[in-house]
Amino acid sequence: MLKYFKLVRAGNLLFIALTMYLVKYGLFHPFQVPITLNFLGITLLVLAVIFVAAAGYIINDLYDVKADQTNRPDRTLVKNQISEKTAYNLFFIFNILGVLLGFYMSNLIGRPGFTAFFILGSAALYIYNSQLQQTLLVGNFIVSLIIGLVPVGVGLYDLLPVITPENQATQSTIFSILVDYGIFAFLINFIREIVKDQEDVDGDYNAGYQTLSLNLGKDRVNKILAVLSVLPIAFLIYYIYEYLFDTIAAVMYVLLLLVGPLLYFAINIWNADKKKEYTRLSKLLKIVMFFGLISIGLLQFILI
């Protein structure tokens, strides 16, 4: 059973679920904004997203076998521990479940067109892994965009259907917060995807992938990553100045758990060269993502 949890990246799926529940119960409920979904509704939405994401991780492993044999031989599951047939069956099952649940939830809130989000998300993950791995930066962008849309998606299904002229200002403010979180998640994940390309450069070369690392070289990409890391740092500093300056605890949280690690990343990525250095910095960005997104649940103590 453990091998199947590893195949679908159970830890990442748990993080997606945590983020969505935090948006619902750490942001919407404390601020008492009009909402559409009850607990069962948000749970079905979470399952729909998780099923599509799980299918994406499976198809990634199916097409990354050659690269993984070089990059992570001890973690190659497909063929070694799980047959390709089983993996493909799971991919189709999870995709079908995700799209069907997405269809049900979209019709439940009176927005059947929203089903397209699940169909396009599923198709994008498949096309990326099967065809776009050899297209420079496209895959990094697609994966990061999907991650950034997770908090926004909760707003689309829970806030949008109950917007009225009377509550539009409040709903728009809450939704704008979700967009800001989505932008932050996109930036951090996009940078992390490129760091992972730096980490996996040998396997990507053997698999014939086109990455920034293979086209420009590690040293130049390091400099690009250092510059890119300034964007989320500037974003956070602006947020502190504009919204959090009067709340010492919030300022300390952002500085110590988000800005500080990002500054450490910017300094250390400049001269990184070894695989273990990229692995450590990739994990650091994952920690930044975690503390950034769980702060959704802390806004009630800052803004109320």
C-alpha atoms as a PDB file:
ATOM      1  CA  MET A   1       0.000   0.000   0.000  1.00  0.00           C
ATOM      2  CA  LEU A   2       2.885   2.351   0.800  1.00  0.00           C
ATOM      3  CA  LYS A   3       4.104   2.231  -2.802  1.00  0.00           C
ATOM      4  CA  TYR A   4       0.735   3.540  -4.012  1.00  0.00           C
ATOM      5  CA  PHE A   5       0.850   6.411  -1.529  1.00  0.00           C
ATOM      6  CA  LYS A   6       4.302   7.264  -2.886  1.00  0.00           C
ATOM      7  CA  LEU A   7       3.048   7.007  -6.470  1.00  0.00           C
ATOM      8  CA  VAL A   8       0.343   9.650  -5.936  1.00  0.00           C
ATOM      9  CA  ARG A   9       2.562  11.815  -3.658  1.00  0.00           C
ATOM     10  CA  ALA A  10       0.214  11.457  -0.683  1.00  0.00           C
ATOM     11  CA  GLY A  11       2.039  14.178   1.238  1.00  0.00           C
ATOM     12  CA  ASN A  12       1.458  16.711  -1.537  1.00  0.00           C
ATOM     13  CA  LEU A  13      -2.193  15.692  -1.831  1.00  0.00           C
ATOM     14  CA  LEU A  14      -2.615  16.162   1.921  1.00  0.00           C
ATOM     15  CA  PHE A  15      -1.132  19.645   1.599  1.00  0.00           C
ATOM     16  CA  ILE A  16      -3.601  20.512  -1.184  1.00  0.00           C
ATOM     17  CA  ALA A  17      -6.487  19.328   0.993  1.00  0.00           C
ATOM     18  CA  LEU A  18      -5.178  21.281   4.003  1.00  0.00           C
ATOM     19  CA  THR A  19      -4.931  24.453   1.919  1.00  0.00           C
ATOM     20  CA  MET A  20      -8.505  24.138   0.671  1.00  0.00           C
ATOM     21  CA  TYR A  21      -9.928  23.441   4.121  1.00  0.00           C
ATOM     22  CA  LEU A  22      -7.958  26.371   5.573  1.00  0.00           C
ATOM     23  CA  VAL A  23      -9.462  28.683   2.960  1.00  0.00           C
ATOM     24  CA  LYS A  24     -12.923  27.441   3.902  1.00  0.00           C
ATOM     25  CA  TYR A  25     -12.650  27.270   7.682  1.00  0.00           C
ATOM     26  CA  GLY A  26      -9.720  29.584   8.384  1.00  0.00           C
ATOM     27  CA  LEU A  27     -10.812  32.451   6.136  1.00  0.00           C
ATOM     28  CA  PHE A  28     -14.451  32.271   5.006  1.00  0.00           C
ATOM     29  CA  HIS A  29     -16.027  31.142   8.279  1.00  0.00           C
ATOM     30  CA  PRO A  30     -14.209  33.492  10.689  1.00  0.00           C
ATOM     31  CA  PHE A  31     -15.037  36.485   8.482  1.00  0.00           C
ATOM     32  CA  GLN A  32     -18.631  35.258   8.172  1.00  0.00           C
ATOM     33  CA  VAL A  33     -18.814  35.849   4.432  1.00  0.00           C
ATOM     34  CA  PRO A  34     -21.739  34.332   2.477  1.00  0.00           C
ATOM     35  CA  ILE A  35     -20.788  30.887   1.216  1.00  0.00           C
ATOM     36  CA  THR A  36     -22.257  28.135  -0.950  1.00  0.00           C
ATOM     37  CA  LEU A  37     -20.748  24.856   0.216  1.00  0.00           C
ATOM     38  CA  ASN A  38     -21.300  22.924   3.440  1.00  0.00           C
ATOM     39  CA  PHE A  39     -18.753  20.443   4.819  1.00  0.00           C
ATOM     40  CA  LEU A  40     -19.826  17.704   2.411  1.00  0.00           C
ATOM     41  CA  GLY A  41     -19.632  20.125  -0.502  1.00  0.00           C
ATOM     42  CA  ILE A  42     -16.102  21.322   0.248  1.00  0.00           C
ATOM     43  CA  THR A  43     -15.022  17.716   0.854  1.00  0.00           C
ATOM     44  CA  LEU A  44     -16.299  16.641  -2.563  1.00  0.00           C
ATOM     45  CA  LEU A  45     -14.501  19.617  -4.133  1.00  0.00           C
ATOM     46  CA  VAL A  46     -11.298  18.660  -2.310  1.00  0.00           C
ATOM     47  CA  LEU A  47     -11.633  15.066  -3.536  1.00  0.00           C
ATOM     48  CA  ALA A  48     -12.197  16.233  -7.117  1.00  0.00           C
ATOM     49  CA  VAL A  49      -8.999  18.289  -7.039  1.00  0.00           C
ATOM     50  CA  ILE A  50      -7.023  15.545  -5.296  1.00  0.00           C
ATOM     51  CA  PHE A  51      -8.108  12.891  -7.812  1.00  0.00           C
ATOM     52  CA  VAL A  52      -6.984  15.036 -10.757  1.00  0.00           C
ATOM     53  CA  ALA A  53      -3.707  15.886  -8.999  1.00  0.00           C
ATOM     54  CA  ALA A  54      -3.093  12.200  -8.173  1.00  0.00           C
ATOM     55  CA  ALA A  55      -3.628  11.303 -11.832  1.00  0.00           C
ATOM     56  CA  GLY A  56      -1.116  14.005 -12.754  1.00  0.00           C
ATOM     57  CA  TYR A  57       1.512  12.546 -10.429  1.00  0.00           C
ATOM     58  CA  ILE A  58       0.924   9.064 -11.844  1.00  0.00           C
ATOM     59  CA  ILE A  59       1.307  10.137 -15.470  1.00  0.00           C
ATOM     60  CA  ASN A  60       4.412  12.059 -14.468  1.00  0.00           C
ATOM     61  CA  ASP A  61       5.965   8.864 -13.098  1.00  0.00           C
ATOM     62  CA  LEU A  62       4.932   6.911 -16.196  1.00  0.00           C
ATOM     63  CA  TYR A  63       6.722   9.304 -18.536  1.00  0.00           C
ATOM     64  CA  ASP A  64       9.627  10.054 -16.198  1.00  0.00           C
ATOM     65  CA  VAL A  65      10.890   6.477 -15.820  1.00  0.00           C
ATOM     66  CA  LYS A  66      14.021   7.063 -17.878  1.00  0.00           C
ATOM     67  CA  ALA A  67      14.913  10.311 -16.124  1.00  0.00           C
ATOM     68  CA  ASP A  68      14.140   8.909 -12.665  1.00  0.00           C
ATOM     69  CA  GLN A  69      16.461   5.951 -13.203  1.00  0.00           C
ATOM     70  CA  THR A  70      19.285   8.505 -13.302  1.00  0.00           C
ATOM     71  CA  ASN A  71      17.961  11.142 -10.903  1.00  0.00           C
ATOM     72  CA  ARG A  72      16.267   9.005  -8.229  1.00  0.00           C
ATOM     73  CA  PRO A  73      16.907   5.300  -8.899  1.00  0.00           C
ATOM     74  CA  ASP A  74      15.818   4.357  -5.368  1.00  0.00           C
ATOM     75  CA  ARG A  75      12.453   6.095  -5.838  1.00  0.00           C
ATOM     76  CA  THR A  76      11.496   4.763  -9.288  1.00  0.00           C
ATOM     77  CA  LEU A  77       8.169   3.029  -8.673  1.00  0.00           C
ATOM     78  CA  VAL A  78       6.779   2.339 -12.131  1.00  0.00           C
ATOM     79  CA  LYS A  79       8.180  -0.914 -13.570  1.00  0.00           C
ATOM     80  CA  ASN A  80      10.203  -1.589 -10.393  1.00  0.00           C
ATOM     81  CA  GLN A  81       7.324  -1.889  -7.908  1.00  0.00           C
ATOM     82  CA  ILE A  82       4.163  -1.072  -9.867  1.00  0.00           C
ATOM     83  CA  SER A  83       3.462  -2.318 -13.378  1.00  0.00           C
ATOM     84  CA  GLU A  84       2.784   0.148 -16.177  1.00  0.00           C
ATOM     85  CA  LYS A  85      -0.644  -1.409 -16.715  1.00  0.00           C
ATOM     86  CA  THR A  86      -1.613  -0.850 -13.077  1.00  0.00           C
ATOM     87  CA  ALA A  87      -0.298   2.712 -13.159  1.00  0.00           C
ATOM     88  CA  TYR A  88      -2.257   3.510 -16.335  1.00  0.00           C
ATOM     89  CA  ASN A  89      -5.422   1.994 -14.855  1.00  0.00           C
ATOM     90  CA  LEU A  90      -5.047   4.141 -11.745  1.00  0.00           C
ATOM     91  CA  PHE A  91      -4.397   7.184 -13.919  1.00  0.00           C
ATOM     92  CA  PHE A  92      -7.652   6.704 -15.825  1.00  0.00           C
ATOM     93  CA  ILE A  93      -9.663   5.868 -12.689  1.00  0.00           C
ATOM     94  CA  PHE A  94      -8.478   8.962 -10.807  1.00  0.00           C
ATOM     95  CA  ASN A  95      -9.024  11.175 -13.850  1.00  0.00           C
ATOM     96  CA  ILE A  96     -12.567   9.912 -14.361  1.00  0.00           C
ATOM     97  CA  LEU A  97     -13.410  10.312 -10.666  1.00  0.00           C
ATOM     98  CA  GLY A  98     -11.953  13.821 -10.570  1.00  0.00           C
ATOM     99  CA  VAL A  99     -13.778  15.045 -13.664  1.00  0.00           C
ATOM    100  CA  LEU A 100     -17.068  13.429 -12.628  1.00  0.00           C
ATOM    101  CA  LEU A 101     -16.894  14.995  -9.179  1.00  0.00           C
ATOM    102  CA  GLY A 102     -15.931  18.310 -10.766  1.00  0.00           C
ATOM    103  CA  PHE A 103     -18.933  18.017 -13.086  1.00  0.00           C
ATOM    104  CA  TYR A 104     -21.220  17.258 -10.139  1.00  0.00           C
ATOM    105  CA  MET A 105     -19.897  20.165  -8.052  1.00  0.00           C
ATOM    106  CA  SER A 106     -20.079  22.592 -10.979  1.00  0.00           C
ATOM    107  CA  ASN A 107     -23.717  21.714 -11.589  1.00  0.00           C
ATOM    108  CA  LEU A 108     -24.457  21.827  -7.862  1.00  0.00           C
ATOM    109  CA  ILE A 109     -23.463  25.497  -7.684  1.00  0.00           C
ATOM    110  CA  GLY A 110     -25.209  26.314 -10.965  1.00  0.00           C
ATOM    111  CA  ARG A 111     -21.988  26.811 -12.939  1.00  0.00           C
ATOM    112  CA  PRO A 112     -21.745  23.774 -15.252  1.00  0.00           C
ATOM    113  CA  GLY A 113     -19.100  25.550 -17.325  1.00  0.00           C
ATOM    114  CA  PHE A 114     -16.689  25.256 -14.380  1.00  0.00           C
ATOM    115  CA  THR A 115     -16.309  21.577 -15.277  1.00  0.00           C
ATOM    116  CA  ALA A 116     -13.837  22.846 -17.863  1.00  0.00           C
ATOM    117  CA  PHE A 117     -11.355  23.600 -15.069  1.00  0.00           C
ATOM    118  CA  PHE A 118     -11.102  19.903 -14.240  1.00  0.00           C
ATOM    119  CA  ILE A 119     -11.080  18.753 -17.851  1.00  0.00           C
ATOM    120  CA  LEU A 120      -8.443  21.294 -18.854  1.00  0.00           C
ATOM    121  CA  GLY A 121      -6.391  20.604 -15.723  1.00  0.00           C
ATOM    122  CA  SER A 122      -6.387  16.896 -16.395  1.00  0.00           C
ATOM    123  CA  ALA A 123      -5.602  17.401 -20.090  1.00  0.00           C
ATOM    124  CA  ALA A 124      -2.833  19.911 -19.335  1.00  0.00           C
ATOM    125  CA  LEU A 125      -1.080  17.514 -16.948  1.00  0.00           C
ATOM    126  CA  TYR A 126      -1.300  14.681 -19.488  1.00  0.00           C
ATOM    127  CA  ILE A 127      -0.112  16.778 -22.443  1.00  0.00           C
ATOM    128  CA  TYR A 128       2.704  18.260 -20.367  1.00  0.00           C
ATOM    129  CA  ASN A 129       4.052  14.867 -19.368  1.00  0.00           C
ATOM    130  CA  SER A 130       3.521  13.163 -22.720  1.00  0.00           C
ATOM    131  CA  GLN A 131       4.534  15.953 -25.122  1.00  0.00           C
ATOM    132  CA  LEU A 132       5.679  19.179 -23.460  1.00  0.00           C
ATOM    133  CA  GLN A 133       8.536  17.828 -21.324  1.00  0.00           C
ATOM    134  CA  GLN A 134      10.736  18.728 -24.282  1.00  0.00           C
ATOM    135  CA  THR A 135       9.406  22.299 -24.497  1.00  0.00           C
ATOM    136  CA  LEU A 136      11.409  24.855 -22.538  1.00  0.00           C
ATOM    137  CA  LEU A 137       9.692  26.180 -19.363  1.00  0.00           C
ATOM    138  CA  VAL A 138       6.157  25.290 -20.539  1.00  0.00           C
ATOM    139  CA  GLY A 139       5.869  22.407 -18.095  1.00  0.00           C
ATOM    140  CA  ASN A 140       7.217  24.498 -15.216  1.00  0.00           C
ATOM    141  CA  PHE A 141       4.621  27.163 -15.966  1.00  0.00           C
ATOM    142  CA  ILE A 142       1.676  24.748 -16.290  1.00  0.00           C
ATOM    143  CA  VAL A 143       2.384  22.905 -13.028  1.00  0.00           C
ATOM    144  CA  SER A 144       2.923  26.168 -11.130  1.00  0.00           C
ATOM    145  CA  LEU A 145      -0.250  27.704 -12.557  1.00  0.00           C
ATOM    146  CA  ILE A 146      -2.303  24.706 -11.414  1.00  0.00           C
ATOM    147  CA  ILE A 147      -0.802  24.989  -7.915  1.00  0.00           C
ATOM    148  CA  GLY A 148      -1.584  28.710  -7.844  1.00  0.00           C
ATOM    149  CA  LEU A 149      -5.209  28.079  -8.815  1.00  0.00           C
ATOM    150  CA  VAL A 150      -5.911  25.782  -5.836  1.00  0.00           C
ATOM    151  CA  PRO A 151      -6.838  28.531  -3.305  1.00  0.00           C
ATOM    152  CA  VAL A 152      -8.540  30.576  -6.034  1.00  0.00           C
ATOM    153  CA  GLY A 153     -10.668  27.580  -7.000  1.00  0.00           C
ATOM    154  CA  VAL A 154     -12.219  27.401  -3.530  1.00  0.00           C
ATOM    155  CA  GLY A 155     -13.340  31.009  -3.953  1.00  0.00           C
ATOM    156  CA  LEU A 156     -14.860  30.299  -7.346  1.00  0.00           C
ATOM    157  CA  TYR A 157     -16.993  27.468  -5.992  1.00  0.00           C
ATOM    158  CA  ASP A 158     -17.800  28.857  -2.546  1.00  0.00           C
ATOM    159  CA  LEU A 159     -17.982  32.645  -2.952  1.00  0.00           C
ATOM    160  CA  LEU A 160     -18.894  33.395  -6.544  1.00  0.00           C
ATOM    161  CA  PRO A 161     -22.362  31.732  -6.605  1.00  0.00           C
ATOM    162  CA  VAL A 162     -23.647  33.842  -3.694  1.00  0.00           C
ATOM    163  CA  ILE A 163     -22.351  37.262  -4.736  1.00  0.00           C
ATOM    164  CA  THR A 164     -25.041  39.943  -4.617  1.00  0.00           C
ATOM    165  CA  PRO A 165     -24.870  43.719  -5.055  1.00  0.00           C
ATOM    166  CA  GLU A 166     -25.063  44.022  -1.257  1.00  0.00           C
ATOM    167  CA  ASN A 167     -22.111  41.751  -0.447  1.00  0.00           C
ATOM    168  CA  GLN A 168     -20.038  42.279  -3.573  1.00  0.00           C
ATOM    169  CA  ALA A 169     -17.464  44.514  -1.857  1.00  0.00           C
ATOM    170  CA  THR A 170     -16.830  42.004   0.943  1.00  0.00           C
ATOM    171  CA  GLN A 171     -16.719  39.009  -1.387  1.00  0.00           C
ATOM    172  CA  SER A 172     -14.339  40.828  -3.731  1.00  0.00           C
ATOM    173  CA  THR A 173     -11.976  41.663  -0.865  1.00  0.00           C
ATOM    174  CA  ILE A 174     -11.859  38.050   0.326  1.00  0.00           C
ATOM    175  CA  PHE A 175     -11.431  36.783  -3.232  1.00  0.00           C
ATOM    176  CA  SER A 176      -8.564  39.235  -3.823  1.00  0.00           C
ATOM    177  CA  ILE A 177      -6.790  37.704  -0.809  1.00  0.00           C
ATOM    178  CA  LEU A 178      -7.089  34.290  -2.460  1.00  0.00           C
ATOM    179  CA  VAL A 179      -5.669  35.683  -5.698  1.00  0.00           C
ATOM    180  CA  ASP A 180      -2.690  37.072  -3.754  1.00  0.00           C
ATOM    181  CA  TYR A 181      -2.080  33.669  -2.192  1.00  0.00           C
ATOM    182  CA  GLY A 182      -2.388  32.102  -5.632  1.00  0.00           C
ATOM    183  CA  ILE A 183       0.234  34.486  -7.053  1.00  0.00           C
ATOM    184  CA  PHE A 184       2.585  33.705  -4.166  1.00  0.00           C
ATOM    185  CA  ALA A 185       2.111  29.948  -4.620  1.00  0.00           C
ATOM    186  CA  PHE A 186       2.720  30.277  -8.363  1.00  0.00           C
ATOM    187  CA  LEU A 187       5.962  32.244  -7.890  1.00  0.00           C
ATOM    188  CA  ILE A 188       7.413  29.905  -5.267  1.00  0.00           C
ATOM    189  CA  ASN A 189       6.480  26.753  -7.163  1.00  0.00           C
ATOM    190  CA  PHE A 190       7.786  28.128 -10.478  1.00  0.00           C
ATOM    191  CA  ILE A 191      11.158  28.874  -8.882  1.00  0.00           C
ATOM    192  CA  ARG A 192      11.168  25.450  -7.224  1.00  0.00           C
ATOM    193  CA  GLU A 193      10.428  23.694 -10.517  1.00  0.00           C
ATOM    194  CA  ILE A 194      13.519  25.288 -12.044  1.00  0.00           C
ATOM    195  CA  VAL A 195      15.597  24.342  -8.986  1.00  0.00           C
ATOM    196  CA  LYS A 196      14.428  20.740  -9.436  1.00  0.00           C
ATOM    197  CA  ASP A 197      15.578  20.947 -13.066  1.00  0.00           C
ATOM    198  CA  GLN A 198      18.994  22.015 -11.784  1.00  0.00           C
ATOM    199  CA  GLU A 199      18.948  19.076  -9.381  1.00  0.00           C
ATOM    200  CA  ASP A 200      17.904  16.578 -12.066  1.00  0.00           C
ATOM    201  CA  VAL A 201      19.954  17.887 -14.981  1.00  0.00           C
ATOM    202  CA  ASP A 202      21.715  14.568 -15.717  1.00  0.00           C
ATOM    203  CA  GLY A 203      18.518  12.518 -15.905  1.00  0.00           C
ATOM    204  CA  ASP A 204      16.759  15.207 -17.950  1.00  0.00           C
ATOM    205  CA  TYR A 205      19.632  15.130 -20.446  1.00  0.00           C
ATOM    206  CA  ASN A 206      19.377  11.342 -20.784  1.00  0.00           C
ATOM    207  CA  ALA A 207      15.615  11.576 -21.259  1.00  0.00           C
ATOM    208  CA  GLY A 208      15.941  14.239 -23.961  1.00  0.00           C
ATOM    209  CA  TYR A 209      14.082  16.943 -22.033  1.00  0.00           C
ATOM    210  CA  GLN A 210      14.546  20.640 -22.739  1.00  0.00           C
ATOM    211  CA  THR A 211      15.149  22.584 -19.531  1.00  0.00           C
ATOM    212  CA  LEU A 212      16.621  25.963 -18.746  1.00  0.00           C
ATOM    213  CA  SER A 213      19.542  24.200 -17.064  1.00  0.00           C
ATOM    214  CA  LEU A 214      20.445  22.252 -20.201  1.00  0.00           C
ATOM    215  CA  ASN A 215      20.077  25.262 -22.489  1.00  0.00           C
ATOM    216  CA  LEU A 216      21.852  27.937 -20.447  1.00  0.00           C
ATOM    217  CA  GLY A 217      23.995  25.963 -18.020  1.00  0.00           C
ATOM    218  CA  LYS A 218      23.753  25.692 -14.261  1.00  0.00           C
ATOM    219  CA  ASP A 219      25.705  28.853 -13.450  1.00  0.00           C
ATOM    220  CA  ARG A 220      23.522  31.168 -15.536  1.00  0.00           C
ATOM    221  CA  VAL A 221      20.331  29.552 -14.267  1.00  0.00           C
ATOM    222  CA  ASN A 222      21.552  30.062 -10.697  1.00  0.00           C
ATOM    223  CA  LYS A 223      21.749  33.783 -11.356  1.00  0.00           C
ATOM    224  CA  ILE A 224      18.290  33.788 -12.937  1.00  0.00           C
ATOM    225  CA  LEU A 225      16.887  31.974  -9.903  1.00  0.00           C
ATOM    226  CA  ALA A 226      18.488  34.473  -7.538  1.00  0.00           C
ATOM    227  CA  VAL A 227      16.852  37.329  -9.463  1.00  0.00           C
ATOM    228  CA  LEU A 228      13.493  35.528  -9.632  1.00  0.00           C
ATOM    229  CA  SER A 229      13.528  35.007  -5.853  1.00  0.00           C
ATOM    230  CA  VAL A 230      13.438  38.795  -5.457  1.00  0.00           C
ATOM    231  CA  LEU A 231       9.857  38.797  -6.809  1.00  0.00           C
ATOM    232  CA  PRO A 232       8.217  36.927  -3.895  1.00  0.00           C
ATOM    233  CA  ILE A 233      10.428  38.811  -1.435  1.00  0.00           C
ATOM    234  CA  ALA A 234       9.250  42.141  -2.880  1.00  0.00           C
ATOM    235  CA  PHE A 235       5.679  40.847  -2.895  1.00  0.00           C
ATOM    236  CA  LEU A 236       5.889  39.979   0.819  1.00  0.00           C
ATOM    237  CA  ILE A 237       7.536  43.254   1.812  1.00  0.00           C
ATOM    238  CA  TYR A 238       4.811  45.164  -0.019  1.00  0.00           C
ATOM    239  CA  TYR A 239       2.208  43.123   1.850  1.00  0.00           C
ATOM    240  CA  ILE A 240       3.844  43.900   5.195  1.00  0.00           C
ATOM    241  CA  TYR A 241       3.929  47.614   4.448  1.00  0.00           C
ATOM    242  CA  GLU A 242       0.422  47.787   3.008  1.00  0.00           C
ATOM    243  CA  TYR A 243      -1.576  45.463   5.294  1.00  0.00           C
ATOM    244  CA  LEU A 244       0.378  44.037   8.234  1.00  0.00           C
ATOM    245  CA  PHE A 245       2.576  46.853   9.518  1.00  0.00           C
ATOM    246  CA  ASP A 246       0.451  47.455  12.628  1.00  0.00           C
ATOM    247  CA  THR A 247       0.468  43.780  13.662  1.00  0.00           C
ATOM    248  CA  ILE A 248       3.842  42.847  15.133  1.00  0.00           C
ATOM    249  CA  ALA A 249       3.130  39.110  15.279  1.00  0.00           C
ATOM    250  CA  ALA A 250       2.175  39.020  11.589  1.00  0.00           C
ATOM    251  CA  VAL A 251       5.250  41.029  10.598  1.00  0.00           C
ATOM    252  CA  MET A 252       7.518  38.660  12.559  1.00  0.00           C
ATOM    253  CA  TYR A 253       5.809  35.607  11.034  1.00  0.00           C
ATOM    254  CA  VAL A 254       6.364  36.858   7.488  1.00  0.00           C
ATOM    255  CA  LEU A 255       9.925  38.044   8.108  1.00  0.00           C
ATOM    256  CA  LEU A 256      11.127  34.938   9.964  1.00  0.00           C
ATOM    257  CA  LEU A 257       9.281  32.181   8.122  1.00  0.00           C
ATOM    258  CA  LEU A 258       8.980  33.592   4.603  1.00  0.00           C
ATOM    259  CA  VAL A 259      11.279  36.525   3.827  1.00  0.00           C
ATOM    260  CA  GLY A 260      14.242  35.150   5.826  1.00  0.00           C
ATOM    261  CA  PRO A 261      14.292  31.736   4.121  1.00  0.00           C
ATOM    262  CA  LEU A 262      13.848  33.363   0.706  1.00  0.00           C
ATOM    263  CA  LEU A 263      16.830  35.652   1.358  1.00  0.00           C
ATOM    264  CA  TYR A 264      18.830  32.581   2.405  1.00  0.00           C
ATOM    265  CA  PHE A 265      17.759  30.908  -0.828  1.00  0.00           C
ATOM    266  CA  ALA A 266      18.742  33.923  -2.962  1.00  0.00           C
ATOM    267  CA  ILE A 267      22.207  34.048  -1.394  1.00  0.00           C
ATOM    268  CA  ASN A 268      22.914  30.315  -1.528  1.00  0.00           C
ATOM    269  CA  ILE A 269      21.531  29.596  -4.993  1.00  0.00           C
ATOM    270  CA  TRP A 270      24.022  32.049  -6.514  1.00  0.00           C
ATOM    271  CA  ASN A 271      26.970  29.647  -6.194  1.00  0.00           C
ATOM    272  CA  ALA A 272      25.153  26.308  -5.838  1.00  0.00           C
ATOM    273  CA  ASP A 273      26.635  23.491  -7.870  1.00  0.00           C
ATOM    274  CA  LYS A 274      26.155  20.101  -6.216  1.00  0.00           C
ATOM    275  CA  LYS A 275      23.004  18.016  -6.387  1.00  0.00           C
ATOM    276  CA  LYS A 276      22.639  17.977  -2.598  1.00  0.00           C
ATOM    277  CA  GLU A 277      22.718  21.787  -2.527  1.00  0.00           C
ATOM    278  CA  TYR A 278      19.821  21.993  -4.995  1.00  0.00           C
ATOM    279  CA  THR A 279      17.956  19.325  -3.042  1.00  0.00           C
ATOM    280  CA  ARG A 280      18.317  21.328   0.169  1.00  0.00           C
ATOM    281  CA  LEU A 281      17.197  24.574  -1.481  1.00  0.00           C
ATOM    282  CA  SER A 282      14.246  22.837  -3.144  1.00  0.00           C
ATOM    283  CA  LYS A 283      13.120  21.565   0.276  1.00  0.00           C
ATOM    284  CA  LEU A 284      13.542  25.067   1.682  1.00  0.00           C
ATOM    285  CA  LEU A 285      11.154  26.451  -0.936  1.00  0.00           C
ATOM    286  CA  LYS A 286       8.675  23.710  -0.074  1.00  0.00           C
ATOM    287  CA  ILE A 287       8.832  24.823   3.570  1.00  0.00           C
ATOM    288  CA  VAL A 288       8.274  28.454   2.496  1.00  0.00           C
ATOM    289  CA  MET A 289       5.250  27.330   0.471  1.00  0.00           C
ATOM    290  CA  PHE A 290       3.898  25.479   3.512  1.00  0.00           C
ATOM    291  CA  PHE A 291       4.227  28.401   5.916  1.00  0.00           C
ATOM    292  CA  GLY A 292       2.906  30.783   3.286  1.00  0.00           C
ATOM    293  CA  LEU A 293      -0.274  28.854   2.601  1.00  0.00           C
ATOM    294  CA  ILE A 294      -1.068  27.833   6.199  1.00  0.00           C
ATOM    295  CA  SER A 295      -0.982  31.515   7.099  1.00  0.00           C
ATOM    296  CA  ILE A 296      -4.444  31.620   5.494  1.00  0.00           C
ATOM    297  CA  GLY A 297      -5.717  30.179   8.754  1.00  0.00           C
ATOM    298  CA  LEU A 298      -3.998  32.914  10.758  1.00  0.00           C
ATOM    299  CA  LEU A 299      -5.597  35.892   8.993  1.00  0.00           C
ATOM    300  CA  GLN A 300      -8.565  35.774  11.363  1.00  0.00           C
ATOM    301  CA  PHE A 301      -6.247  36.643  14.251  1.00  0.00           C
ATOM    302  CA  ILE A 302      -4.625  39.466  12.285  1.00  0.00           C
ATOM    303  CA  LEU A 303      -7.499  41.192  10.555  1.00  0.00           C
ATOM    304  CA  ILE A 304     -10.401  40.690  12.964  1.00  0.00           C
END
